[in-house]
C-alpha cells in the first residue's frame, strides 16, 4: 500500500518476535504529504458546499 501511495517501495524487516517493521524514508514522507495537501483542498471544497 505504501508503494502504491508514494511510488517508492519501503524496506521491510521481520523481527525475532514475528512482527514486521517497515522503514519509510524521505521519499515516502514527501509522497504522503501530497495526500495531506489534497485532504485540505477536499475539506475546503466540502465546507464551501455546506456538507
N, C-alpha and C. Protein backbone atom coordinates (compact mmCIF):
# COMPACT_ATOMS: atom_id res chain seq x y z
N UNK A 1 0.82 -1.18 0.00
CA UNK A 1 0.00 0.00 0.00
C UNK A 1 0.87 1.26 0.00
N UNK A 2 1.93 1.23 0.77
CA UNK A 2 2.83 2.39 0.82
C UNK A 2 3.43 2.65 -0.55
N UNK A 3 3.84 1.59 -1.23
CA UNK A 3 4.42 1.75 -2.56
C UNK A 3 3.39 2.31 -3.54
N UNK A 4 2.16 1.88 -3.43
CA UNK A 4 1.11 2.38 -4.30
C UNK A 4 0.86 3.86 -4.07
N UNK A 5 0.84 4.29 -2.82
CA UNK A 5 0.56 5.69 -2.49
C UNK A 5 1.73 6.62 -2.80
N UNK A 6 2.96 6.14 -2.62
CA UNK A 6 4.12 7.02 -2.74
C UNK A 6 4.96 6.77 -3.99
N UNK A 7 4.82 5.60 -4.59
CA UNK A 7 5.63 5.25 -5.75
C UNK A 7 7.00 4.71 -5.38
N UNK A 8 7.26 4.52 -4.08
CA UNK A 8 8.57 4.03 -3.62
C UNK A 8 8.33 2.84 -2.69
N UNK A 9 9.01 1.73 -2.99
CA UNK A 9 8.85 0.53 -2.17
C UNK A 9 9.62 0.69 -0.85
N UNK A 10 8.96 0.48 0.30
CA UNK A 10 9.67 0.61 1.58
C UNK A 10 10.48 -0.65 1.90
N UNK A 11 11.42 -0.51 2.80
CA UNK A 11 12.18 -1.67 3.28
C UNK A 11 11.36 -2.31 4.40
N UNK A 12 11.35 -3.63 4.46
CA UNK A 12 10.62 -4.35 5.49
C UNK A 12 11.54 -5.39 6.13
N UNK A 13 11.43 -5.52 7.45
CA UNK A 13 12.25 -6.47 8.21
C UNK A 13 11.34 -7.24 9.15
N UNK A 14 11.54 -8.55 9.23
CA UNK A 14 10.80 -9.36 10.19
C UNK A 14 11.62 -9.41 11.48
N UNK A 15 10.99 -9.07 12.58
CA UNK A 15 11.65 -9.06 13.89
C UNK A 15 11.65 -10.47 14.47
N UNK A 16 12.46 -10.70 15.50
CA UNK A 16 12.53 -12.02 16.14
C UNK A 16 11.20 -12.43 16.75
N UNK A 17 10.40 -11.44 17.18
CA UNK A 17 9.11 -11.75 17.80
C UNK A 17 8.00 -11.97 16.76
N UNK A 18 8.36 -11.97 15.47
CA UNK A 18 7.40 -12.23 14.41
C UNK A 18 6.76 -10.99 13.81
N UNK A 19 6.94 -9.84 14.45
CA UNK A 19 6.37 -8.60 13.92
C UNK A 19 7.18 -8.13 12.72
N UNK A 20 6.54 -7.35 11.86
CA UNK A 20 7.21 -6.81 10.68
C UNK A 20 7.40 -5.32 10.87
N UNK A 21 8.64 -4.84 10.67
CA UNK A 21 8.94 -3.42 10.78
C UNK A 21 9.14 -2.87 9.37
N UNK A 22 8.43 -1.80 9.05
CA UNK A 22 8.54 -1.17 7.74
C UNK A 22 9.27 0.15 7.89
N UNK A 23 10.29 0.37 7.07
CA UNK A 23 11.07 1.61 7.12
C UNK A 23 10.65 2.52 5.97
N UNK A 24 10.25 3.73 6.32
CA UNK A 24 9.90 4.73 5.33
C UNK A 24 10.93 5.86 5.41
N UNK A 25 11.34 6.34 4.26
CA UNK A 25 12.32 7.41 4.21
C UNK A 25 11.70 8.72 3.73
N UNK A 26 12.57 9.64 3.37
CA UNK A 26 12.14 10.98 2.95
C UNK A 26 11.21 10.92 1.74
N UNK A 27 11.53 10.06 0.77
CA UNK A 27 10.69 9.97 -0.42
C UNK A 27 9.27 9.54 -0.07
N UNK A 28 9.16 8.64 0.91
CA UNK A 28 7.83 8.20 1.34
C UNK A 28 7.07 9.35 2.00
N UNK A 29 7.75 10.07 2.88
CA UNK A 29 7.10 11.18 3.58
C UNK A 29 6.66 12.26 2.61
N UNK A 30 7.49 12.55 1.62
CA UNK A 30 7.11 13.54 0.61
C UNK A 30 5.88 13.06 -0.18
N UNK A 31 5.83 11.76 -0.47
CA UNK A 31 4.68 11.19 -1.17
C UNK A 31 3.42 11.30 -0.34
N UNK A 32 3.52 11.05 0.97
CA UNK A 32 2.36 11.17 1.86
C UNK A 32 1.90 12.61 1.99
N UNK A 33 2.84 13.56 1.94
CA UNK A 33 2.49 14.98 2.07
C UNK A 33 1.56 15.43 0.95
N UNK A 34 1.69 14.87 -0.22
CA UNK A 34 0.80 15.28 -1.31
C UNK A 34 -0.64 14.93 -0.98
N UNK A 35 -0.87 13.85 -0.24
CA UNK A 35 -2.22 13.49 0.15
C UNK A 35 -2.74 14.42 1.25
N UNK A 36 -1.86 14.90 2.11
CA UNK A 36 -2.28 15.86 3.14
C UNK A 36 -2.77 17.14 2.49
N UNK A 37 -2.07 17.60 1.46
CA UNK A 37 -2.49 18.80 0.75
C UNK A 37 -3.84 18.56 0.06
N UNK A 38 -4.01 17.40 -0.51
CA UNK A 38 -5.27 17.06 -1.16
C UNK A 38 -6.40 17.01 -0.14
N UNK A 39 -6.13 16.47 1.04
CA UNK A 39 -7.14 16.40 2.09
C UNK A 39 -7.62 17.79 2.48
N UNK A 40 -6.72 18.76 2.58
CA UNK A 40 -7.09 20.13 2.92
C UNK A 40 -7.98 20.73 1.84
N UNK A 41 -7.65 20.49 0.59
CA UNK A 41 -8.44 21.02 -0.53
C UNK A 41 -9.84 20.41 -0.52
N UNK A 42 -9.93 19.12 -0.30
CA UNK A 42 -11.23 18.45 -0.25
C UNK A 42 -12.06 18.97 0.91
N UNK A 43 -11.45 19.16 2.07
CA UNK A 43 -12.17 19.67 3.24
C UNK A 43 -12.73 21.06 2.96
N UNK A 44 -11.94 21.92 2.33
CA UNK A 44 -12.43 23.26 1.98
C UNK A 44 -13.58 23.18 0.99
N UNK A 45 -13.46 22.30 0.01
CA UNK A 45 -14.50 22.14 -1.01
C UNK A 45 -15.81 21.70 -0.36
N UNK A 46 -15.74 20.73 0.55
CA UNK A 46 -16.93 20.26 1.25
C UNK A 46 -17.52 21.36 2.13
N UNK A 47 -16.67 22.12 2.78
CA UNK A 47 -17.12 23.22 3.65
C UNK A 47 -17.86 24.28 2.84
N UNK A 48 -17.34 24.63 1.67
CA UNK A 48 -17.97 25.63 0.81
C UNK A 48 -19.34 25.18 0.33
N UNK A 49 -19.54 23.90 0.19
CA UNK A 49 -20.80 23.37 -0.29
C UNK A 49 -21.75 22.97 0.82
N UNK A 50 -21.37 23.28 2.06
CA UNK A 50 -22.23 23.03 3.21
C UNK A 50 -22.41 21.57 3.55
N UNK A 51 -21.42 20.77 3.31
CA UNK A 51 -21.51 19.34 3.62
C UNK A 51 -20.72 18.99 4.84
